[in-house]
Amino acid sequence: MLCKTIGAAFVLLLMTQVIFAQDNSGSAPFRPGLHLKDNQPSRTKEQKEYDNAIDSEYRSKLKEIPDPGKTDPWGNIRPTPPATAKNKQQ
């Protein structure tokens, strides 16, 4: 009986710890939470211009890549049909 009581208390303790870990209310340091905005300042105008320049350069380099065209991945494995088979189909 004592063993069952201790086991039940232990299970309840574990369940409350899971609920406590998922709780996001409060700003105490011992309670982990989800912070969507850091305390870092936003990017400056120069940094944003640099980012835009990098992005535009990246997009222009992507346009320079030639189109590979239509490829047949099984082309090397698929045997060519014999000439007699072509004549029989016609």
PDB file of N, CA and C in Angstrom:
ATOM      1  N   MET A   1       0.825  -1.191   0.000  1.00  0.00           N
ATOM      2  CA  MET A   1       0.000   0.000   0.000  1.00  0.00           C
ATOM      3  C   MET A   1       0.869   1.255   0.000  1.00  0.00           C
ATOM      4  N   LEU A   2       1.915   1.235   0.812  1.00  0.00           N
ATOM      5  CA  LEU A   2       2.822   2.378   0.881  1.00  0.00           C
ATOM      6  C   LEU A   2       3.554   2.573  -0.444  1.00  0.00           C
ATOM      7  N   CYS A   3       3.902   1.457  -1.057  1.00  0.00           N
ATOM      8  CA  CYS A   3       4.610   1.523  -2.341  1.00  0.00           C
ATOM      9  C   CYS A   3       3.713   2.157  -3.413  1.00  0.00           C
ATOM     10  N   LYS A   4       2.433   1.799  -3.427  1.00  0.00           N
ATOM     11  CA  LYS A   4       1.509   2.378  -4.400  1.00  0.00           C
ATOM     12  C   LYS A   4       1.324   3.867  -4.148  1.00  0.00           C
ATOM     13  N   THR A   5       1.262   4.277  -2.898  1.00  0.00           N
ATOM     14  CA  THR A   5       1.097   5.683  -2.552  1.00  0.00           C
ATOM     15  C   THR A   5       2.316   6.491  -2.990  1.00  0.00           C
ATOM     16  N   ILE A   6       3.491   5.950  -2.727  1.00  0.00           N
ATOM     17  CA  ILE A   6       4.729   6.645  -3.128  1.00  0.00           C
ATOM     18  C   ILE A   6       4.812   6.713  -4.650  1.00  0.00           C
ATOM     19  N   GLY A   7       4.429   5.637  -5.324  1.00  0.00           N
ATOM     20  CA  GLY A   7       4.438   5.626  -6.786  1.00  0.00           C
ATOM     21  C   GLY A   7       3.469   6.642  -7.367  1.00  0.00           C
ATOM     22  N   ALA A   8       2.281   6.724  -6.804  1.00  0.00           N
ATOM     23  CA  ALA A   8       1.285   7.683  -7.274  1.00  0.00           C
ATOM     24  C   ALA A   8       1.753   9.116  -7.032  1.00  0.00           C
ATOM     25  N   ALA A   9       2.370   9.351  -5.880  1.00  0.00           N
ATOM     26  CA  ALA A   9       2.888  10.689  -5.584  1.00  0.00           C
ATOM     27  C   ALA A   9       4.005  11.055  -6.553  1.00  0.00           C
ATOM     28  N   PHE A  10       4.831  10.088  -6.886  1.00  0.00           N
ATOM     29  CA  PHE A  10       5.928  10.338  -7.827  1.00  0.00           C
ATOM     30  C   PHE A  10       5.394  10.664  -9.218  1.00  0.00           C
ATOM     31  N   VAL A  11       4.371   9.941  -9.653  1.00  0.00           N
ATOM     32  CA  VAL A  11       3.756  10.213 -10.958  1.00  0.00           C
ATOM     33  C   VAL A  11       3.137  11.610 -10.971  1.00  0.00           C
ATOM     34  N   LEU A  12       2.450  11.978  -9.917  1.00  0.00           N
ATOM     35  CA  LEU A  12       1.872  13.325  -9.835  1.00  0.00           C
ATOM     36  C   LEU A  12       2.958  14.390  -9.841  1.00  0.00           C
ATOM     37  N   LEU A  13       4.057  14.123  -9.172  1.00  0.00           N
ATOM     38  CA  LEU A  13       5.173  15.064  -9.164  1.00  0.00           C
ATOM     39  C   LEU A  13       5.736  15.248 -10.568  1.00  0.00           C
ATOM     40  N   LEU A  14       5.906  14.164 -11.289  1.00  0.00           N
ATOM     41  CA  LEU A  14       6.409  14.261 -12.655  1.00  0.00           C
ATOM     42  C   LEU A  14       5.440  15.008 -13.561  1.00  0.00           C
ATOM     43  N   MET A  15       4.154  14.782 -13.388  1.00  0.00           N
ATOM     44  CA  MET A  15       3.164  15.466 -14.213  1.00  0.00           C
ATOM     45  C   MET A  15       3.169  16.966 -13.949  1.00  0.00           C
ATOM     46  N   THR A  16       3.309  17.357 -12.709  1.00  0.00           N
ATOM     47  CA  THR A  16       3.330  18.787 -12.402  1.00  0.00           C
ATOM     48  C   THR A  16       4.607  19.434 -12.922  1.00  0.00           C
ATOM     49  N   GLN A  17       5.708  18.710 -12.976  1.00  0.00           N
ATOM     50  CA  GLN A  17       6.938  19.266 -13.514  1.00  0.00           C
ATOM     51  C   GLN A  17       6.814  19.505 -15.018  1.00  0.00           C
ATOM     52  N   VAL A  18       6.138  18.620 -15.713  1.00  0.00           N
ATOM     53  CA  VAL A  18       5.933  18.802 -17.147  1.00  0.00           C
ATOM     54  C   VAL A  18       5.080  20.036 -17.395  1.00  0.00           C
ATOM     55  N   ILE A  19       4.029  20.194 -16.617  1.00  0.00           N
ATOM     56  CA  ILE A  19       3.161  21.362 -16.763  1.00  0.00           C
ATOM     57  C   ILE A  19       3.932  22.630 -16.425  1.00  0.00           C
ATOM     58  N   PHE A  20       4.750  22.586 -15.396  1.00  0.00           N
ATOM     59  CA  PHE A  20       5.535  23.746 -15.006  1.00  0.00           C
ATOM     60  C   PHE A  20       6.536  24.116 -16.089  1.00  0.00           C
ATOM     61  N   ALA A  21       7.119  23.138 -16.766  1.00  0.00           N
ATOM     62  CA  ALA A  21       8.098  23.413 -17.813  1.00  0.00           C
ATOM     63  C   ALA A  21       7.441  24.036 -19.031  1.00  0.00           C
ATOM     64  N   GLN A  22       6.172  23.730 -19.274  1.00  0.00           N
ATOM     65  CA  GLN A  22       5.484  24.282 -20.428  1.00  0.00           C
ATOM     66  C   GLN A  22       4.853  25.642 -20.147  1.00  0.00           C
ATOM     67  N   ASP A  23       4.774  26.013 -18.909  1.00  0.00           N
ATOM     68  CA  ASP A  23       4.170  27.281 -18.540  1.00  0.00           C
ATOM     69  C   ASP A  23       5.073  28.419 -19.005  1.00  0.00           C
ATOM     70  N   ASN A  24       4.517  29.388 -19.708  1.00  0.00           N
ATOM     71  CA  ASN A  24       5.304  30.482 -20.260  1.00  0.00           C
ATOM     72  C   ASN A  24       4.974  31.807 -19.584  1.00  0.00           C
ATOM     73  N   SER A  25       4.187  31.805 -18.553  1.00  0.00           N
ATOM     74  CA  SER A  25       3.836  33.053 -17.899  1.00  0.00           C
ATOM     75  C   SER A  25       4.884  33.405 -16.856  1.00  0.00           C
ATOM     76  N   GLY A  26       5.066  34.670 -16.646  1.00  0.00           N
ATOM     77  CA  GLY A  26       6.050  35.107 -15.657  1.00  0.00           C
ATOM     78  C   GLY A  26       7.403  35.341 -16.309  1.00  0.00           C
ATOM     79  N   SER A  27       8.186  36.193 -15.678  1.00  0.00           N
ATOM     80  CA  SER A  27       9.491  36.516 -16.253  1.00  0.00           C
ATOM     81  C   SER A  27      10.613  36.188 -15.282  1.00  0.00           C
ATOM     82  N   ALA A  28      10.376  35.266 -14.376  1.00  0.00           N
ATOM     83  CA  ALA A  28      11.415  34.885 -13.430  1.00  0.00           C
ATOM     84  C   ALA A  28      12.552  34.199 -14.185  1.00  0.00           C
ATOM     85  N   PRO A  29      13.791  34.377 -13.767  1.00  0.00           N
ATOM     86  CA  PRO A  29      14.917  33.797 -14.511  1.00  0.00           C
ATOM     87  C   PRO A  29      14.950  32.274 -14.502  1.00  0.00           C
ATOM     88  N   PHE A  30      14.337  31.643 -13.532  1.00  0.00           N
ATOM     89  CA  PHE A  30      14.365  30.188 -13.476  1.00  0.00           C
ATOM     90  C   PHE A  30      13.289  29.546 -14.346  1.00  0.00           C
ATOM     91  N   ARG A  31      12.414  30.355 -14.921  1.00  0.00           N
ATOM     92  CA  ARG A  31      11.354  29.832 -15.770  1.00  0.00           C
ATOM     93  C   ARG A  31      11.697  30.105 -17.226  1.00  0.00           C
ATOM     94  N   PRO A  32      11.968  29.066 -17.994  1.00  0.00           N
ATOM     95  CA  PRO A  32      12.288  29.298 -19.397  1.00  0.00           C
ATOM     96  C   PRO A  32      11.059  29.769 -20.156  1.00  0.00           C
ATOM     97  N   GLY A  33      11.279  30.616 -21.115  1.00  0.00           N
ATOM     98  CA  GLY A  33      10.168  31.127 -21.892  1.00  0.00           C
ATOM     99  C   GLY A  33      10.590  31.387 -23.319  1.00  0.00           C
ATOM    100  N   LEU A  34       9.645  31.678 -24.156  1.00  0.00           N
ATOM    101  CA  LEU A  34       9.887  31.955 -25.551  1.00  0.00           C
ATOM    102  C   LEU A  34       9.969  33.462 -25.727  1.00  0.00           C
ATOM    103  N   HIS A  35      11.108  33.931 -26.174  1.00  0.00           N
ATOM    104  CA  HIS A  35      11.310  35.353 -26.408  1.00  0.00           C
ATOM    105  C   HIS A  35      11.381  35.576 -27.908  1.00  0.00           C
ATOM    106  N   LEU A  36      10.376  36.202 -28.464  1.00  0.00           N
ATOM    107  CA  LEU A  36      10.342  36.410 -29.897  1.00  0.00           C
ATOM    108  C   LEU A  36      11.207  37.579 -30.329  1.00  0.00           C
ATOM    109  N   LYS A  37      11.423  38.543 -29.479  1.00  0.00           N
ATOM    110  CA  LYS A  37      12.245  39.690 -29.839  1.00  0.00           C
ATOM    111  C   LYS A  37      13.385  39.787 -28.842  1.00  0.00           C
ATOM    112  N   ASP A  38      14.588  39.770 -29.380  1.00  0.00           N
ATOM    113  CA  ASP A  38      15.762  39.886 -28.521  1.00  0.00           C
ATOM    114  C   ASP A  38      15.981  41.346 -28.135  1.00  0.00           C
ATOM    115  N   ASN A  39      16.903  41.549 -27.260  1.00  0.00           N
ATOM    116  CA  ASN A  39      17.222  42.905 -26.825  1.00  0.00           C
ATOM    117  C   ASN A  39      18.198  43.591 -27.772  1.00  0.00           C
ATOM    118  N   GLN A  40      18.523  42.947 -28.877  1.00  0.00           N
ATOM    119  CA  GLN A  40      19.440  43.539 -29.839  1.00  0.00           C
ATOM    120  C   GLN A  40      18.719  44.608 -30.659  1.00  0.00           C
ATOM    121  N   PRO A  41      19.412  45.688 -30.989  1.00  0.00           N
ATOM    122  CA  PRO A  41      18.762  46.719 -31.810  1.00  0.00           C
ATOM    123  C   PRO A  41      18.574  46.229 -33.239  1.00  0.00           C
ATOM    124  N   SER A  42      17.648  46.850 -33.944  1.00  0.00           N
ATOM    125  CA  SER A  42      17.408  46.453 -35.324  1.00  0.00           C
ATOM    126  C   SER A  42      18.587  46.883 -36.194  1.00  0.00           C
ATOM    127  N   ARG A  43      18.643  46.360 -37.402  1.00  0.00           N
ATOM    128  CA  ARG A  43      19.771  46.626 -38.289  1.00  0.00           C
ATOM    129  C   ARG A  43      19.749  48.079 -38.754  1.00  0.00           C
ATOM    130  N   THR A  44      20.932  48.652 -38.948  1.00  0.00           N
ATOM    131  CA  THR A  44      21.040  50.034 -39.384  1.00  0.00           C
ATOM    132  C   THR A  44      20.745  50.138 -40.874  1.00  0.00           C
ATOM    133  N   LYS A  45      20.629  51.356 -41.353  1.00  0.00           N
ATOM    134  CA  LYS A  45      20.333  51.583 -42.762  1.00  0.00           C
ATOM    135  C   LYS A  45      21.461  51.046 -43.644  1.00  0.00           C
ATOM    136  N   GLU A  46      22.707  51.225 -43.217  1.00  0.00           N
ATOM    137  CA  GLU A  46      23.844  50.729 -43.989  1.00  0.00           C
ATOM    138  C   GLU A  46      23.843  49.203 -44.058  1.00  0.00           C
ATOM    139  N   GLN A  47      23.489  48.571 -42.950  1.00  0.00           N
ATOM    140  CA  GLN A  47      23.447  47.109 -42.932  1.00  0.00           C
ATOM    141  C   GLN A  47      22.336  46.585 -43.839  1.00  0.00           C
ATOM    142  N   LYS A  48      21.205  47.269 -43.838  1.00  0.00           N
ATOM    143  CA  LYS A  48      20.110  46.859 -44.715  1.00  0.00           C
ATOM    144  C   LYS A  48      20.478  47.039 -46.182  1.00  0.00           C
ATOM    145  N   GLU A  49      21.163  48.145 -46.509  1.00  0.00           N
ATOM    146  CA  GLU A  49      21.609  48.371 -47.885  1.00  0.00           C
ATOM    147  C   GLU A  49      22.614  47.299 -48.302  1.00  0.00           C
ATOM    148  N   TYR A  50      23.498  46.933 -47.388  1.00  0.00           N
ATOM    149  CA  TYR A  50      24.475  45.884 -47.676  1.00  0.00           C
ATOM    150  C   TYR A  50      23.769  44.556 -47.918  1.00  0.00           C
ATOM    151  N   ASP A  51      22.774  44.252 -47.097  1.00  0.00           N
ATOM    152  CA  ASP A  51      22.011  43.023 -47.281  1.00  0.00           C
ATOM    153  C   ASP A  51      21.302  43.008 -48.632  1.00  0.00           C
ATOM    154  N   ASN A  52      20.716  44.140 -49.016  1.00  0.00           N
ATOM    155  CA  ASN A  52      20.028  44.223 -50.300  1.00  0.00           C
ATOM    156  C   ASN A  52      21.008  44.059 -51.456  1.00  0.00           C
ATOM    157  N   ALA A  53      22.205  44.637 -51.317  1.00  0.00           N
ATOM    158  CA  ALA A  53      23.216  44.493 -52.359  1.00  0.00           C
ATOM    159  C   ALA A  53      23.646  43.034 -52.496  1.00  0.00           C
ATOM    160  N   ILE A  54      23.835  42.369 -51.391  1.00  0.00           N
ATOM    161  CA  ILE A  54      24.215  40.955 -51.417  1.00  0.00           C
ATOM    162  C   ILE A  54      23.106  40.128 -52.054  1.00  0.00           C
ATOM    163  N   ASP A  55      21.849  40.407 -51.692  1.00  0.00           N
ATOM    164  CA  ASP A  55      20.722  39.659 -52.253  1.00  0.00           C
ATOM    165  C   ASP A  55      20.604  39.874 -53.763  1.00  0.00           C
ATOM    166  N   SER A  56      20.749  41.107 -54.207  1.00  0.00           N
ATOM    167  CA  SER A  56      20.644  41.368 -55.643  1.00  0.00           C
ATOM    168  C   SER A  56      21.798  40.717 -56.400  1.00  0.00           C
ATOM    169  N   GLU A  57      22.985  40.718 -55.831  1.00  0.00           N
ATOM    170  CA  GLU A  57      24.126  40.052 -56.466  1.00  0.00           C
ATOM    171  C   GLU A  57      23.876  38.545 -56.546  1.00  0.00           C
ATOM    172  N   TYR A  58      23.327  37.987 -55.516  1.00  0.00           N
ATOM    173  CA  TYR A  58      23.006  36.558 -55.495  1.00  0.00           C
ATOM    174  C   TYR A  58      21.978  36.224 -56.571  1.00  0.00           C
ATOM    175  N   ARG A  59      20.926  37.047 -56.680  1.00  0.00           N
ATOM    176  CA  ARG A  59      19.906  36.805 -57.689  1.00  0.00           C
ATOM    177  C   ARG A  59      20.471  36.921 -59.102  1.00  0.00           C
ATOM    178  N   SER A  60      21.371  37.889 -59.319  1.00  0.00           N
ATOM    179  CA  SER A  60      21.965  38.037 -60.653  1.00  0.00           C
ATOM    180  C   SER A  60      22.863  36.848 -60.987  1.00  0.00           C
ATOM    181  N   LYS A  61      23.574  36.312 -60.010  1.00  0.00           N
ATOM    182  CA  LYS A  61      24.418  35.135 -60.247  1.00  0.00           C
ATOM    183  C   LYS A  61      23.570  33.899 -60.515  1.00  0.00           C
ATOM    184  N   LEU A  62      22.399  33.810 -59.882  1.00  0.00           N
ATOM    185  CA  LEU A  62      21.512  32.689 -60.157  1.00  0.00           C
ATOM    186  C   LEU A  62      20.997  32.721 -61.587  1.00  0.00           C
ATOM    187  N   LYS A  63      20.772  33.923 -62.116  1.00  0.00           N
ATOM    188  CA  LYS A  63      20.290  34.043 -63.487  1.00  0.00           C
ATOM    189  C   LYS A  63      21.366  33.660 -64.495  1.00  0.00           C
ATOM    190  N   GLU A  64      22.650  33.755 -64.106  1.00  0.00           N
ATOM    191  CA  GLU A  64      23.743  33.412 -65.013  1.00  0.00           C
ATOM    192  C   GLU A  64      23.938  31.907 -65.147  1.00  0.00           C
ATOM    193  N   ILE A  65      23.390  31.124 -64.254  1.00  0.00           N
ATOM    194  CA  ILE A  65      23.544  29.675 -64.318  1.00  0.00           C
ATOM    195  C   ILE A  65      22.728  29.163 -65.499  1.00  0.00           C
ATOM    196  N   PRO A  66      23.364  28.415 -66.410  1.00  0.00           N
ATOM    197  CA  PRO A  66      22.616  27.940 -67.584  1.00  0.00           C
ATOM    198  C   PRO A  66      21.593  26.886 -67.200  1.00  0.00           C
ATOM    199  N   ASP A  67      20.525  26.847 -67.987  1.00  0.00           N
ATOM    200  CA  ASP A  67      19.482  25.863 -67.764  1.00  0.00           C
ATOM    201  C   ASP A  67      20.006  24.499 -68.203  1.00  0.00           C
ATOM    202  N   PRO A  68      19.914  23.481 -67.351  1.00  0.00           N
ATOM    203  CA  PRO A  68      20.476  22.190 -67.726  1.00  0.00           C
ATOM    204  C   PRO A  68      19.709  21.495 -68.849  1.00  0.00           C
ATOM    205  N   GLY A  69      18.539  21.960 -69.149  1.00  0.00           N
ATOM    206  CA  GLY A  69      17.749  21.339 -70.207  1.00  0.00           C
ATOM    207  C   GLY A  69      17.103  20.054 -69.732  1.00  0.00           C
ATOM    208  N   LYS A  70      16.504  19.353 -70.687  1.00  0.00           N
ATOM    209  CA  LYS A  70      15.820  18.112 -70.340  1.00  0.00           C
ATOM    210  C   LYS A  70      16.840  16.983 -70.304  1.00  0.00           C
ATOM    211  N   THR A  71      16.870  16.279 -69.213  1.00  0.00           N
ATOM    212  CA  THR A  71      17.798  15.168 -69.072  1.00  0.00           C
ATOM    213  C   THR A  71      17.019  13.880 -68.834  1.00  0.00           C
ATOM    214  N   ASP A  72      17.622  12.781 -69.235  1.00  0.00           N
ATOM    215  CA  ASP A  72      17.016  11.471 -69.026  1.00  0.00           C
ATOM    216  C   ASP A  72      17.870  10.721 -68.019  1.00  0.00           C
ATOM    217  N   PRO A  73      17.432  10.621 -66.760  1.00  0.00           N
ATOM    218  CA  PRO A  73      18.264   9.979 -65.754  1.00  0.00           C
ATOM    219  C   PRO A  73      18.476   8.493 -66.013  1.00  0.00           C
ATOM    220  N   TRP A  74      17.591   7.861 -66.767  1.00  0.00           N
ATOM    221  CA  TRP A  74      17.729   6.433 -67.056  1.00  0.00           C
ATOM    222  C   TRP A  74      18.345   6.201 -68.438  1.00  0.00           C
ATOM    223  N   GLY A  75      18.830   7.245 -69.080  1.00  0.00           N
ATOM    224  CA  GLY A  75      19.356   7.118 -70.437  1.00  0.00           C
ATOM    225  C   GLY A  75      20.528   6.159 -70.552  1.00  0.00           C
ATOM    226  N   ASN A  76      21.407   6.136 -69.580  1.00  0.00           N
ATOM    227  CA  ASN A  76      22.568   5.249 -69.639  1.00  0.00           C
ATOM    228  C   ASN A  76      22.191   3.812 -69.316  1.00  0.00           C
ATOM    229  N   ILE A  77      21.115   3.596 -68.614  1.00  0.00           N
ATOM    230  CA  ILE A  77      20.737   2.261 -68.172  1.00  0.00           C
ATOM    231  C   ILE A  77      19.795   1.602 -69.186  1.00  0.00           C
ATOM    232  N   ARG A  78      18.912   2.380 -69.773  1.00  0.00           N
ATOM    233  CA  ARG A  78      17.934   1.845 -70.707  1.00  0.00           C
ATOM    234  C   ARG A  78      18.637   1.443 -72.001  1.00  0.00           C
ATOM    235  N   PRO A  79      18.456   0.220 -72.434  1.00  0.00           N
ATOM    236  CA  PRO A  79      19.112  -0.200 -73.692  1.00  0.00           C
ATOM    237  C   PRO A  79      18.388   0.406 -74.883  1.00  0.00           C
ATOM    238  N   THR A  80      19.129   0.617 -75.947  1.00  0.00           N
ATOM    239  CA  THR A  80      18.507   1.127 -77.164  1.00  0.00           C
ATOM    240  C   THR A  80      17.758  -0.023 -77.822  1.00  0.00           C
ATOM    241  N   PRO A  81      16.590   0.235 -78.348  1.00  0.00           N
ATOM    242  CA  PRO A  81      15.830  -0.850 -78.973  1.00  0.00           C
ATOM    243  C   PRO A  81      16.534  -1.335 -80.246  1.00  0.00           C
ATOM    244  N   PRO A  82      16.500  -2.619 -80.501  1.00  0.00           N
ATOM    245  CA  PRO A  82      17.144  -3.128 -81.721  1.00  0.00           C
ATOM    246  C   PRO A  82      16.425  -2.633 -82.976  1.00  0.00           C
ATOM    247  N   ALA A  83      17.134  -2.584 -84.084  1.00  0.00           N
ATOM    248  CA  ALA A  83      16.591  -2.054 -85.337  1.00  0.00           C
ATOM    249  C   ALA A  83      15.427  -2.900 -85.837  1.00  0.00           C
ATOM    250  N   THR A  84      15.465  -4.188 -85.591  1.00  0.00           N
ATOM    251  CA  THR A  84      14.377  -5.049 -86.073  1.00  0.00           C
ATOM    252  C   THR A  84      13.074  -4.749 -85.339  1.00  0.00           C
ATOM    253  N   ALA A  85      13.147  -4.367 -84.101  1.00  0.00           N
ATOM    254  CA  ALA A  85      11.936  -4.062 -83.339  1.00  0.00           C
ATOM    255  C   ALA A  85      11.261  -2.822 -83.902  1.00  0.00           C
ATOM    256  N   LYS A  86      12.042  -1.865 -84.371  1.00  0.00           N
ATOM    257  CA  LYS A  86      11.448  -0.649 -84.955  1.00  0.00           C
ATOM    258  C   LYS A  86      10.708  -0.986 -86.237  1.00  0.00           C
ATOM    259  N   ASN A  87      11.278  -1.901 -87.037  1.00  0.00           N
ATOM    260  CA  ASN A  87      10.633  -2.261 -88.308  1.00  0.00           C
ATOM    261  C   ASN A  87       9.336  -3.038 -88.077  1.00  0.00           C
ATOM    262  N   LYS A  88       9.295  -3.842 -87.023  1.00  0.00           N
ATOM    263  CA  LYS A  88       8.096  -4.630 -86.747  1.00  0.00           C
ATOM    264  C   LYS A  88       6.938  -3.746 -86.295  1.00  0.00           C
ATOM    265  N   GLN A  89       7.258  -2.653 -85.598  1.00  0.00           N
ATOM    266  CA  GLN A  89       6.199  -1.764 -85.130  1.00  0.00           C
ATOM    267  C   GLN A  89       5.562  -0.984 -86.256  1.00  0.00           C
ATOM    268  N   GLN A  90       6.286  -0.741 -87.308  1.00  0.00           N
ATOM    269  CA  GLN A  90       5.748   0.054 -88.413  1.00  0.00           C
ATOM    270  C   GLN A  90       4.993  -0.784 -89.329  1.00  0.00           C
TER     271      GLN A  90
END
